[in-house]
Every structure is written in C-alpha cells, then in structure tokens.
Amino acid sequence: MPRRIMFIQLKTGYNLDRGPSWIGWVDFNRSFKTARYRGRELRRAPGMFDANFFDVETEEEFWLSGPKRDRTDTRYGPPLTEVDEDARVAYEAFLNGAPLPGRENG
C-alpha cells in the first residue's frame, strides 16, 4: 500500500472548516480510492460537498490532501492542526524544504 503524509480534516458536524484536523501517515490502496487512517477505513466518493472521503463505518466525511508548506491547509480554521508523533520528523523536514516521503518526484 502506498503510504503518504497527509492533511486530514473531519467535515461532518462542523461548519466553515472548523472541524479537527491532523497531519499524519495515511495508507492508500493501489487505486487511491481507499485510505486508512487511525483505524478508520475511508473511501473516496464523488459529489460530496466540501469532502472527498467518507468513513465506511460511521459515514463521517473527511477532506484529505497533501499538506502545504505554508501551513494554510484549512481555509478558515481551526488554527492548530495536530501532528501525529510518528509523522512529526518527516513533516518538519517537509516544512524545511524536503520532499514528502513517497512524493519525491511530484
């Protein structure tokens, strides 16, 4: 499974990008249509408003994207994004100019 450091934000139950958000390792299947994060199985689904994945068990909606170096991952908040401890070193290297692991060529 491809593994990437991603920005993850819970959309269900929050308005204007105010849901909790994380930077962490996400495992994808080969087609990138299924993702696993913190024990959740997330599936890509077209046509969702302001989300691109949903939890198959709880149906909660999430936004997953590559993190931004300028830390403007959320449009309106929350101001703090939690960084998972196991992703911290690679994420901080990315913020300092290194390519994201698995994305060295784009």
PDB file of N, CA and C in Angstrom:
ATOM      1  N   MET A   1       0.835  -1.194   0.000  1.00  0.00           N
ATOM      2  CA  MET A   1       0.000   0.000   0.000  1.00  0.00           C
ATOM      3  C   MET A   1       0.875   1.251   0.000  1.00  0.00           C
ATOM      4  N   PRO A   2       0.567   2.214  -0.864  1.00  0.00           N
ATOM      5  CA  PRO A   2       1.278   3.483  -0.799  1.00  0.00           C
ATOM      6  C   PRO A   2       0.982   4.192   0.527  1.00  0.00           C
ATOM      7  N   ARG A   3       1.989   4.802   1.082  1.00  0.00           N
ATOM      8  CA  ARG A   3       1.853   5.497   2.366  1.00  0.00           C
ATOM      9  C   ARG A   3       2.302   6.936   2.173  1.00  0.00           C
ATOM     10  N   ARG A   4       1.459   7.873   2.605  1.00  0.00           N
ATOM     11  CA  ARG A   4       1.759   9.290   2.412  1.00  0.00           C
ATOM     12  C   ARG A   4       1.457  10.075   3.685  1.00  0.00           C
ATOM     13  N   ILE A   5       2.212  11.133   3.900  1.00  0.00           N
ATOM     14  CA  ILE A   5       1.852  12.087   4.947  1.00  0.00           C
ATOM     15  C   ILE A   5       0.805  13.000   4.344  1.00  0.00           C
ATOM     16  N   MET A   6      -0.326  13.119   5.041  1.00  0.00           N
ATOM     17  CA  MET A   6      -1.455  13.875   4.500  1.00  0.00           C
ATOM     18  C   MET A   6      -2.027  14.814   5.557  1.00  0.00           C
ATOM     19  N   PHE A   7      -2.768  15.793   5.080  1.00  0.00           N
ATOM     20  CA  PHE A   7      -3.614  16.637   5.918  1.00  0.00           C
ATOM     21  C   PHE A   7      -4.986  15.986   5.912  1.00  0.00           C
ATOM     22  N   ILE A   8      -5.555  15.774   7.101  1.00  0.00           N
ATOM     23  CA  ILE A   8      -6.855  15.122   7.246  1.00  0.00           C
ATOM     24  C   ILE A   8      -7.741  16.037   8.090  1.00  0.00           C
ATOM     25  N   GLN A   9      -8.957  16.304   7.629  1.00  0.00           N
ATOM     26  CA  GLN A   9      -9.873  17.125   8.422  1.00  0.00           C
ATOM     27  C   GLN A   9     -11.262  16.513   8.436  1.00  0.00           C
ATOM     28  N   LEU A  10     -11.833  16.431   9.639  1.00  0.00           N
ATOM     29  CA  LEU A  10     -13.202  15.964   9.809  1.00  0.00           C
ATOM     30  C   LEU A  10     -14.142  17.081   9.384  1.00  0.00           C
ATOM     31  N   LYS A  11     -15.066  16.785   8.485  1.00  0.00           N
ATOM     32  CA  LYS A  11     -16.019  17.775   7.985  1.00  0.00           C
ATOM     33  C   LYS A  11     -17.396  17.638   8.616  1.00  0.00           C
ATOM     34  N   THR A  12     -17.813  16.411   8.912  1.00  0.00           N
ATOM     35  CA  THR A  12     -19.151  16.170   9.441  1.00  0.00           C
ATOM     36  C   THR A  12     -19.326  16.858  10.789  1.00  0.00           C
ATOM     37  N   GLY A  13     -20.397  17.652  10.900  1.00  0.00           N
ATOM     38  CA  GLY A  13     -20.740  18.290  12.161  1.00  0.00           C
ATOM     39  C   GLY A  13     -20.065  19.626  12.404  1.00  0.00           C
ATOM     40  N   TYR A  14     -19.295  20.105  11.428  1.00  0.00           N
ATOM     41  CA  TYR A  14     -18.591  21.375  11.590  1.00  0.00           C
ATOM     42  C   TYR A  14     -18.831  22.247  10.370  1.00  0.00           C
ATOM     43  N   ASN A  15     -18.997  23.527  10.600  1.00  0.00           N
ATOM     44  CA  ASN A  15     -19.190  24.479   9.509  1.00  0.00           C
ATOM     45  C   ASN A  15     -17.893  25.221   9.210  1.00  0.00           C
ATOM     46  N   LEU A  16     -17.751  25.661   7.985  1.00  0.00           N
ATOM     47  CA  LEU A  16     -16.645  26.533   7.577  1.00  0.00           C
ATOM     48  C   LEU A  16     -15.270  26.017   7.977  1.00  0.00           C
ATOM     49  N   ASP A  17     -15.023  24.772   7.736  1.00  0.00           N
ATOM     50  CA  ASP A  17     -13.697  24.188   8.002  1.00  0.00           C
ATOM     51  C   ASP A  17     -13.263  24.325   9.452  1.00  0.00           C
ATOM     52  N   ARG A  18     -14.162  24.180  10.378  1.00  0.00           N
ATOM     53  CA  ARG A  18     -13.832  24.299  11.798  1.00  0.00           C
ATOM     54  C   ARG A  18     -13.610  22.942  12.464  1.00  0.00           C
ATOM     55  N   GLY A  19     -13.696  21.860  11.712  1.00  0.00           N
ATOM     56  CA  GLY A  19     -13.513  20.531  12.278  1.00  0.00           C
ATOM     57  C   GLY A  19     -12.065  20.281  12.667  1.00  0.00           C
ATOM     58  N   PRO A  20     -11.841  19.318  13.560  1.00  0.00           N
ATOM     59  CA  PRO A  20     -10.471  18.994  13.955  1.00  0.00           C
ATOM     60  C   PRO A  20      -9.674  18.496  12.755  1.00  0.00           C
ATOM     61  N   SER A  21      -8.360  18.749  12.794  1.00  0.00           N
ATOM     62  CA  SER A  21      -7.515  18.343  11.677  1.00  0.00           C
ATOM     63  C   SER A  21      -6.201  17.778  12.183  1.00  0.00           C
ATOM     64  N   TRP A  22      -5.606  16.941  11.333  1.00  0.00           N
ATOM     65  CA  TRP A  22      -4.386  16.238  11.693  1.00  0.00           C
ATOM     66  C   TRP A  22      -3.441  16.202  10.496  1.00  0.00           C
ATOM     67  N   ILE A  23      -2.165  16.066  10.785  1.00  0.00           N
ATOM     68  CA  ILE A  23      -1.155  15.710   9.794  1.00  0.00           C
ATOM     69  C   ILE A  23      -0.667  14.334  10.221  1.00  0.00           C
ATOM     70  N   GLY A  24      -0.745  13.354   9.331  1.00  0.00           N
ATOM     71  CA  GLY A  24      -0.330  12.007   9.715  1.00  0.00           C
ATOM     72  C   GLY A  24      -0.148  11.109   8.514  1.00  0.00           C
ATOM     73  N   TRP A  25       0.341   9.910   8.800  1.00  0.00           N
ATOM     74  CA  TRP A  25       0.533   8.896   7.763  1.00  0.00           C
ATOM     75  C   TRP A  25      -0.807   8.302   7.377  1.00  0.00           C
ATOM     76  N   VAL A  26      -1.069   8.244   6.085  1.00  0.00           N
ATOM     77  CA  VAL A  26      -2.280   7.629   5.546  1.00  0.00           C
ATOM     78  C   VAL A  26      -1.839   6.536   4.578  1.00  0.00           C
ATOM     79  N   ASP A  27      -2.423   5.358   4.728  1.00  0.00           N
ATOM     80  CA  ASP A  27      -2.154   4.238   3.824  1.00  0.00           C
ATOM     81  C   ASP A  27      -3.273   4.164   2.804  1.00  0.00           C
ATOM     82  N   PHE A  28      -2.894   4.089   1.529  1.00  0.00           N
ATOM     83  CA  PHE A  28      -3.861   4.021   0.433  1.00  0.00           C
ATOM     84  C   PHE A  28      -3.776   2.668  -0.254  1.00  0.00           C
ATOM     85  N   ASN A  29      -4.884   2.256  -0.869  1.00  0.00           N
ATOM     86  CA  ASN A  29      -4.793   1.091  -1.747  1.00  0.00           C
ATOM     87  C   ASN A  29      -4.175   1.555  -3.068  1.00  0.00           C
ATOM     88  N   ARG A  30      -3.940   0.641  -3.982  1.00  0.00           N
ATOM     89  CA  ARG A  30      -3.231   0.990  -5.218  1.00  0.00           C
ATOM     90  C   ARG A  30      -3.973   2.004  -6.083  1.00  0.00           C
ATOM     91  N   SER A  31      -5.287   1.995  -6.028  1.00  0.00           N
ATOM     92  CA  SER A  31      -6.067   2.934  -6.841  1.00  0.00           C
ATOM     93  C   SER A  31      -6.293   4.279  -6.144  1.00  0.00           C
ATOM     94  N   PHE A  32      -5.858   4.393  -4.897  1.00  0.00           N
ATOM     95  CA  PHE A  32      -6.046   5.599  -4.071  1.00  0.00           C
ATOM     96  C   PHE A  32      -7.525   5.907  -3.828  1.00  0.00           C
ATOM     97  N   LYS A  33      -8.383   4.899  -3.923  1.00  0.00           N
ATOM     98  CA  LYS A  33      -9.808   5.090  -3.641  1.00  0.00           C
ATOM     99  C   LYS A  33     -10.171   4.733  -2.210  1.00  0.00           C
ATOM    100  N   THR A  34      -9.280   4.022  -1.524  1.00  0.00           N
ATOM    101  CA  THR A  34      -9.485   3.671  -0.122  1.00  0.00           C
ATOM    102  C   THR A  34      -8.259   4.109   0.656  1.00  0.00           C
ATOM    103  N   ALA A  35      -8.508   4.733   1.807  1.00  0.00           N
ATOM    104  CA  ALA A  35      -7.431   5.205   2.671  1.00  0.00           C
ATOM    105  C   ALA A  35      -7.668   4.674   4.077  1.00  0.00           C
ATOM    106  N   ARG A  36      -6.591   4.452   4.802  1.00  0.00           N
ATOM    107  CA  ARG A  36      -6.689   4.031   6.204  1.00  0.00           C
ATOM    108  C   ARG A  36      -5.928   5.033   7.050  1.00  0.00           C
ATOM    109  N   TYR A  37      -6.637   5.534   8.076  1.00  0.00           N
ATOM    110  CA  TYR A  37      -6.036   6.492   8.996  1.00  0.00           C
ATOM    111  C   TYR A  37      -6.600   6.261  10.388  1.00  0.00           C
ATOM    112  N   ARG A  38      -5.706   6.066  11.361  1.00  0.00           N
ATOM    113  CA  ARG A  38      -6.086   5.847  12.769  1.00  0.00           C
ATOM    114  C   ARG A  38      -7.184   4.793  12.911  1.00  0.00           C
ATOM    115  N   GLY A  39      -7.055   3.702  12.186  1.00  0.00           N
ATOM    116  CA  GLY A  39      -8.003   2.600  12.278  1.00  0.00           C
ATOM    117  C   GLY A  39      -9.286   2.790  11.495  1.00  0.00           C
ATOM    118  N   ARG A  40      -9.439   3.906  10.839  1.00  0.00           N
ATOM    119  CA  ARG A  40     -10.634   4.170  10.032  1.00  0.00           C
ATOM    120  C   ARG A  40     -10.391   3.754   8.586  1.00  0.00           C
ATOM    121  N   GLU A  41     -11.405   3.214   7.958  1.00  0.00           N
ATOM    122  CA  GLU A  41     -11.359   2.947   6.532  1.00  0.00           C
ATOM    123  C   GLU A  41     -12.142   4.048   5.840  1.00  0.00           C
ATOM    124  N   LEU A  42     -11.451   4.827   5.040  1.00  0.00           N
ATOM    125  CA  LEU A  42     -12.051   5.960   4.348  1.00  0.00           C
ATOM    126  C   LEU A  42     -12.111   5.650   2.860  1.00  0.00           C
ATOM    127  N   ARG A  43     -13.246   5.966   2.238  1.00  0.00           N
ATOM    128  CA  ARG A  43     -13.400   5.719   0.803  1.00  0.00           C
ATOM    129  C   ARG A  43     -13.652   7.027   0.082  1.00  0.00           C
ATOM    130  N   ARG A  44     -13.056   7.128  -1.091  1.00  0.00           N
ATOM    131  CA  ARG A  44     -13.263   8.300  -1.936  1.00  0.00           C
ATOM    132  C   ARG A  44     -14.662   8.215  -2.524  1.00  0.00           C
ATOM    133  N   ALA A  45     -15.326   9.363  -2.581  1.00  0.00           N
ATOM    134  CA  ALA A  45     -16.661   9.405  -3.167  1.00  0.00           C
ATOM    135  C   ALA A  45     -16.856  10.732  -3.880  1.00  0.00           C
ATOM    136  N   PRO A  46     -17.272  10.691  -5.134  1.00  0.00           N
ATOM    137  CA  PRO A  46     -17.533  11.935  -5.857  1.00  0.00           C
ATOM    138  C   PRO A  46     -18.846  12.553  -5.394  1.00  0.00           C
ATOM    139  N   GLY A  47     -18.963  13.844  -5.593  1.00  0.00           N
ATOM    140  CA  GLY A  47     -20.229  14.523  -5.346  1.00  0.00           C
ATOM    141  C   GLY A  47     -20.491  14.948  -3.917  1.00  0.00           C
ATOM    142  N   MET A  48     -19.560  14.720  -3.009  1.00  0.00           N
ATOM    143  CA  MET A  48     -19.759  15.189  -1.639  1.00  0.00           C
ATOM    144  C   MET A  48     -19.454  16.682  -1.585  1.00  0.00           C
ATOM    145  N   PHE A  49     -20.179  17.410  -0.768  1.00  0.00           N
ATOM    146  CA  PHE A  49     -19.933  18.836  -0.603  1.00  0.00           C
ATOM    147  C   PHE A  49     -18.796  19.037   0.379  1.00  0.00           C
ATOM    148  N   ASP A  50     -17.704  19.645  -0.057  1.00  0.00           N
ATOM    149  CA  ASP A  50     -16.591  20.031   0.816  1.00  0.00           C
ATOM    150  C   ASP A  50     -15.862  18.850   1.460  1.00  0.00           C
ATOM    151  N   ALA A  51     -15.980  17.668   0.897  1.00  0.00           N
ATOM    152  CA  ALA A  51     -15.276  16.488   1.404  1.00  0.00           C
ATOM    153  C   ALA A  51     -14.910  15.609   0.209  1.00  0.00           C
ATOM    154  N   ASN A  52     -13.912  14.749   0.402  1.00  0.00           N
ATOM    155  CA  ASN A  52     -13.553  13.854  -0.690  1.00  0.00           C
ATOM    156  C   ASN A  52     -13.466  12.384  -0.254  1.00  0.00           C
ATOM    157  N   PHE A  53     -13.585  12.107   1.045  1.00  0.00           N
ATOM    158  CA  PHE A  53     -13.607  10.745   1.572  1.00  0.00           C
ATOM    159  C   PHE A  53     -14.672  10.644   2.654  1.00  0.00           C
ATOM    160  N   PHE A  54     -15.171   9.433   2.877  1.00  0.00           N
ATOM    161  CA  PHE A  54     -16.101   9.199   3.982  1.00  0.00           C
ATOM    162  C   PHE A  54     -15.674   7.935   4.712  1.00  0.00           C
ATOM    163  N   ASP A  55     -15.979   7.880   5.999  1.00  0.00           N
ATOM    164  CA  ASP A  55     -15.695   6.715   6.827  1.00  0.00           C
ATOM    165  C   ASP A  55     -16.762   5.662   6.524  1.00  0.00           C
ATOM    166  N   VAL A  56     -16.357   4.462   6.115  1.00  0.00           N
ATOM    167  CA  VAL A  56     -17.328   3.440   5.718  1.00  0.00           C
ATOM    168  C   VAL A  56     -18.172   2.963   6.891  1.00  0.00           C
ATOM    169  N   GLU A  57     -17.666   3.081   8.104  1.00  0.00           N
ATOM    170  CA  GLU A  57     -18.424   2.622   9.277  1.00  0.00           C
ATOM    171  C   GLU A  57     -19.364   3.691   9.814  1.00  0.00           C
ATOM    172  N   THR A  58     -18.861   4.924   9.978  1.00  0.00           N
ATOM    173  CA  THR A  58     -19.655   5.979  10.610  1.00  0.00           C
ATOM    174  C   THR A  58     -20.306   6.927   9.608  1.00  0.00           C
ATOM    175  N   GLU A  59     -19.884   6.881   8.349  1.00  0.00           N
ATOM    176  CA  GLU A  59     -20.332   7.773   7.283  1.00  0.00           C
ATOM    177  C   GLU A  59     -19.919   9.232   7.499  1.00  0.00           C
ATOM    178  N   GLU A  60     -19.007   9.489   8.451  1.00  0.00           N
ATOM    179  CA  GLU A  60     -18.483  10.835   8.626  1.00  0.00           C
ATOM    180  C   GLU A  60     -17.655  11.204   7.394  1.00  0.00           C
ATOM    181  N   GLU A  61     -17.705  12.478   7.038  1.00  0.00           N
ATOM    182  CA  GLU A  61     -16.995  12.946   5.858  1.00  0.00           C
ATOM    183  C   GLU A  61     -15.692  13.631   6.245  1.00  0.00           C
ATOM    184  N   PHE A  62     -14.676  13.455   5.394  1.00  0.00           N
ATOM    185  CA  PHE A  62     -13.339  13.990   5.640  1.00  0.00           C
ATOM    186  C   PHE A  62     -12.796  14.646   4.382  1.00  0.00           C
ATOM    187  N   TRP A  63     -11.868  15.567   4.588  1.00  0.00           N
ATOM    188  CA  TRP A  63     -11.074  16.125   3.497  1.00  0.00           C
ATOM    189  C   TRP A  63      -9.651  15.632   3.686  1.00  0.00           C
ATOM    190  N   LEU A  64      -9.078  15.002   2.670  1.00  0.00           N
ATOM    191  CA  LEU A  64      -7.689  14.559   2.683  1.00  0.00           C
ATOM    192  C   LEU A  64      -6.968  15.265   1.551  1.00  0.00           C
ATOM    193  N   SER A  65      -5.796  15.798   1.856  1.00  0.00           N
ATOM    194  CA  SER A  65      -4.975  16.429   0.823  1.00  0.00           C
ATOM    195  C   SER A  65      -3.526  16.435   1.288  1.00  0.00           C
ATOM    196  N   GLY A  66      -2.648  16.682   0.359  1.00  0.00           N
ATOM    197  CA  GLY A  66      -1.253  16.836   0.726  1.00  0.00           C
ATOM    198  C   GLY A  66      -1.092  18.087   1.577  1.00  0.00           C
ATOM    199  N   PRO A  67      -0.193  18.059   2.562  1.00  0.00           N
ATOM    200  CA  PRO A  67      -0.001  19.245   3.396  1.00  0.00           C
ATOM    201  C   PRO A  67       0.679  20.365   2.617  1.00  0.00           C
ATOM    202  N   LYS A  68       0.484  21.594   3.076  1.00  0.00           N
ATOM    203  CA  LYS A  68       1.089  22.769   2.448  1.00  0.00           C
ATOM    204  C   LYS A  68       2.239  23.274   3.313  1.00  0.00           C
ATOM    205  N   ARG A  69       3.309  23.686   2.675  1.00  0.00           N
ATOM    206  CA  ARG A  69       4.468  24.183   3.424  1.00  0.00           C
ATOM    207  C   ARG A  69       4.148  25.435   4.238  1.00  0.00           C
ATOM    208  N   ASP A  70       3.233  26.253   3.748  1.00  0.00           N
ATOM    209  CA  ASP A  70       2.913  27.490   4.473  1.00  0.00           C
ATOM    210  C   ASP A  70       1.869  27.268   5.574  1.00  0.00           C
ATOM    211  N   ARG A  71       1.484  26.016   5.774  1.00  0.00           N
ATOM    212  CA  ARG A  71       0.544  25.606   6.827  1.00  0.00           C
ATOM    213  C   ARG A  71      -0.850  26.214   6.667  1.00  0.00           C
ATOM    214  N   THR A  72      -1.247  26.525   5.453  1.00  0.00           N
ATOM    215  CA  THR A  72      -2.582  27.060   5.201  1.00  0.00           C
ATOM    216  C   THR A  72      -3.501  25.940   4.716  1.00  0.00           C
ATOM    217  N   ASP A  73      -3.446  24.802   5.380  1.00  0.00           N
ATOM    218  CA  ASP A  73      -4.232  23.639   4.965  1.00  0.00           C
ATOM    219  C   ASP A  73      -5.724  23.866   5.139  1.00  0.00           C
ATOM    220  N   THR A  74      -6.122  24.565   6.188  1.00  0.00           N
ATOM    221  CA  THR A  74      -7.543  24.863   6.382  1.00  0.00           C
ATOM    222  C   THR A  74      -7.825  26.257   5.860  1.00  0.00           C
ATOM    223  N   ARG A  75      -9.020  26.455   5.357  1.00  0.00           N
ATOM    224  CA  ARG A  75      -9.370  27.772   4.820  1.00  0.00           C
ATOM    225  C   ARG A  75      -9.731  28.753   5.929  1.00  0.00           C
ATOM    226  N   TYR A  76     -10.479  28.284   6.944  1.00  0.00           N
ATOM    227  CA  TYR A  76     -10.991  29.202   7.956  1.00  0.00           C
ATOM    228  C   TYR A  76     -10.611  28.795   9.383  1.00  0.00           C
ATOM    229  N   GLY A  77      -9.940  27.717   9.575  1.00  0.00           N
ATOM    230  CA  GLY A  77      -9.583  27.267  10.906  1.00  0.00           C
ATOM    231  C   GLY A  77      -9.756  25.781  10.989  1.00  0.00           C
ATOM    232  N   PRO A  78      -9.539  25.117  12.085  1.00  0.00           N
ATOM    233  CA  PRO A  78      -9.023  25.698  13.322  1.00  0.00           C
ATOM    234  C   PRO A  78      -7.570  26.107  13.148  1.00  0.00           C
ATOM    235  N   PRO A  79      -7.102  26.999  13.983  1.00  0.00           N
ATOM    236  CA  PRO A  79      -5.744  27.497  13.804  1.00  0.00           C
ATOM    237  C   PRO A  79      -4.664  26.436  14.025  1.00  0.00           C
ATOM    238  N   LEU A  80      -4.951  25.431  14.820  1.00  0.00           N
ATOM    239  CA  LEU A  80      -3.950  24.413  15.124  1.00  0.00           C
ATOM    240  C   LEU A  80      -4.328  23.077  14.514  1.00  0.00           C
ATOM    241  N   THR A  81      -3.397  22.504  13.795  1.00  0.00           N
ATOM    242  CA  THR A  81      -3.561  21.168  13.249  1.00  0.00           C
ATOM    243  C   THR A  81      -2.649  20.247  14.043  1.00  0.00           C
ATOM    244  N   GLU A  82      -3.203  19.182  14.577  1.00  0.00           N
ATOM    245  CA  GLU A  82      -2.424  18.227  15.366  1.00  0.00           C
ATOM    246  C   GLU A  82      -1.534  17.399  14.443  1.00  0.00           C
ATOM    247  N   VAL A  83      -0.259  17.297  14.787  1.00  0.00           N
ATOM    248  CA  VAL A  83       0.675  16.486  14.016  1.00  0.00           C
ATOM    249  C   VAL A  83       0.900  15.181  14.778  1.00  0.00           C
ATOM    250  N   ASP A  84       0.613  14.053  14.120  1.00  0.00           N
ATOM    251  CA  ASP A  84       0.838  12.750  14.749  1.00  0.00           C
ATOM    252  C   ASP A  84       2.328  12.575  15.041  1.00  0.00           C
ATOM    253  N   GLU A  85       2.621  12.022  16.197  1.00  0.00           N
ATOM    254  CA  GLU A  85       4.010  11.883  16.635  1.00  0.00           C
ATOM    255  C   GLU A  85       4.854  11.074  15.649  1.00  0.00           C
ATOM    256  N   ASP A  86       4.280  10.023  15.064  1.00  0.00           N
ATOM    257  CA  ASP A  86       5.063   9.193  14.145  1.00  0.00           C
ATOM    258  C   ASP A  86       5.318   9.864  12.793  1.00  0.00           C
ATOM    259  N   ALA A  87       4.664  10.994  12.528  1.00  0.00           N
ATOM    260  CA  ALA A  87       4.871  11.725  11.277  1.00  0.00           C
ATOM    261  C   ALA A  87       5.648  13.025  11.487  1.00  0.00           C
ATOM    262  N   ARG A  88       5.915  13.370  12.723  1.00  0.00           N
ATOM    263  CA  ARG A  88       6.495  14.676  13.045  1.00  0.00           C
ATOM    264  C   ARG A  88       7.827  14.949  12.344  1.00  0.00           C
ATOM    265  N   VAL A  89       8.773  14.032  12.393  1.00  0.00           N
ATOM    266  CA  VAL A  89      10.098  14.266  11.821  1.00  0.00           C
ATOM    267  C   VAL A  89      10.007  14.488  10.311  1.00  0.00           C
ATOM    268  N   ALA A  90       9.280  13.622   9.614  1.00  0.00           N
ATOM    269  CA  ALA A  90       9.148  13.763   8.156  1.00  0.00           C
ATOM    270  C   ALA A  90       8.381  15.035   7.794  1.00  0.00           C
ATOM    271  N   TYR A  91       7.360  15.390   8.569  1.00  0.00           N
ATOM    272  CA  TYR A  91       6.580  16.599   8.299  1.00  0.00           C
ATOM    273  C   TYR A  91       7.432  17.846   8.519  1.00  0.00           C
ATOM    274  N   GLU A  92       8.187  17.880   9.600  1.00  0.00           N
ATOM    275  CA  GLU A  92       9.043  19.039   9.863  1.00  0.00           C
ATOM    276  C   GLU A  92      10.128  19.173   8.798  1.00  0.00           C
ATOM    277  N   ALA A  93      10.657  18.051   8.309  1.00  0.00           N
ATOM    278  CA  ALA A  93      11.632  18.107   7.210  1.00  0.00           C
ATOM    279  C   ALA A  93      10.970  18.692   5.968  1.00  0.00           C
ATOM    280  N   PHE A  94       9.723  18.296   5.691  1.00  0.00           N
ATOM    281  CA  PHE A  94       8.974  18.853   4.566  1.00  0.00           C
ATOM    282  C   PHE A  94       8.806  20.362   4.718  1.00  0.00           C
ATOM    283  N   LEU A  95       8.457  20.818   5.925  1.00  0.00           N
ATOM    284  CA  LEU A  95       8.297  22.252   6.152  1.00  0.00           C
ATOM    285  C   LEU A  95       9.597  23.012   5.906  1.00  0.00           C
ATOM    286  N   ASN A  96      10.723  22.332   6.102  1.00  0.00           N
ATOM    287  CA  ASN A  96      12.040  22.939   5.893  1.00  0.00           C
ATOM    288  C   ASN A  96      12.567  22.750   4.474  1.00  0.00           C
ATOM    289  N   GLY A  97      11.741  22.229   3.560  1.00  0.00           N
ATOM    290  CA  GLY A  97      12.128  22.157   2.161  1.00  0.00           C
ATOM    291  C   GLY A  97      12.317  20.769   1.573  1.00  0.00           C
ATOM    292  N   ALA A  98      12.326  19.733   2.383  1.00  0.00           N
ATOM    293  CA  ALA A  98      12.488  18.363   1.870  1.00  0.00           C
ATOM    294  C   ALA A  98      11.207  17.910   1.175  1.00  0.00           C
ATOM    295  N   PRO A  99      11.322  17.016   0.189  1.00  0.00           N
ATOM    296  CA  PRO A  99      10.109  16.469  -0.432  1.00  0.00           C
ATOM    297  C   PRO A  99       9.377  15.554   0.554  1.00  0.00           C
ATOM    298  N   LEU A 100       8.090  15.415   0.376  1.00  0.00           N
ATOM    299  CA  LEU A 100       7.324  14.475   1.200  1.00  0.00           C
ATOM    300  C   LEU A 100       7.730  13.060   0.851  1.00  0.00           C
ATOM    301  N   PRO A 101       7.857  12.187   1.835  1.00  0.00           N
ATOM    302  CA  PRO A 101       8.165  10.775   1.524  1.00  0.00           C
ATOM    303  C   PRO A 101       7.128  10.187   0.565  1.00  0.00           C
ATOM    304  N   GLY A 102       7.603   9.531  -0.469  1.00  0.00           N
ATOM    305  CA  GLY A 102       6.710   8.959  -1.472  1.00  0.00           C
ATOM    306  C   GLY A 102       6.313   9.944  -2.553  1.00  0.00           C
ATOM    307  N   ARG A 103       6.657  11.195  -2.401  1.00  0.00           N
ATOM    308  CA  ARG A 103       6.292  12.226  -3.386  1.00  0.00           C
ATOM    309  C   ARG A 103       7.537  12.968  -3.887  1.00  0.00           C
ATOM    310  N   GLU A 104       8.677  12.320  -3.839  1.00  0.00           N
ATOM    311  CA  GLU A 104       9.929  12.965  -4.225  1.00  0.00           C
ATOM    312  C   GLU A 104       9.923  13.464  -5.672  1.00  0.00           C
ATOM    313  N   ASN A 105       9.151  12.801  -6.520  1.00  0.00           N
ATOM    314  CA  ASN A 105       9.113  13.167  -7.940  1.00  0.00           C
ATOM    315  C   ASN A 105       7.802  13.826  -8.347  1.00  0.00           C
ATOM    316  N   GLY A 106       7.089  14.370  -7.375  1.00  0.00           N
ATOM    317  CA  GLY A 106       5.843  15.057  -7.715  1.00  0.00           C
ATOM    318  C   GLY A 106       4.638  14.535  -7.049  1.00  0.00           C
TER     319      GLY A 106
END
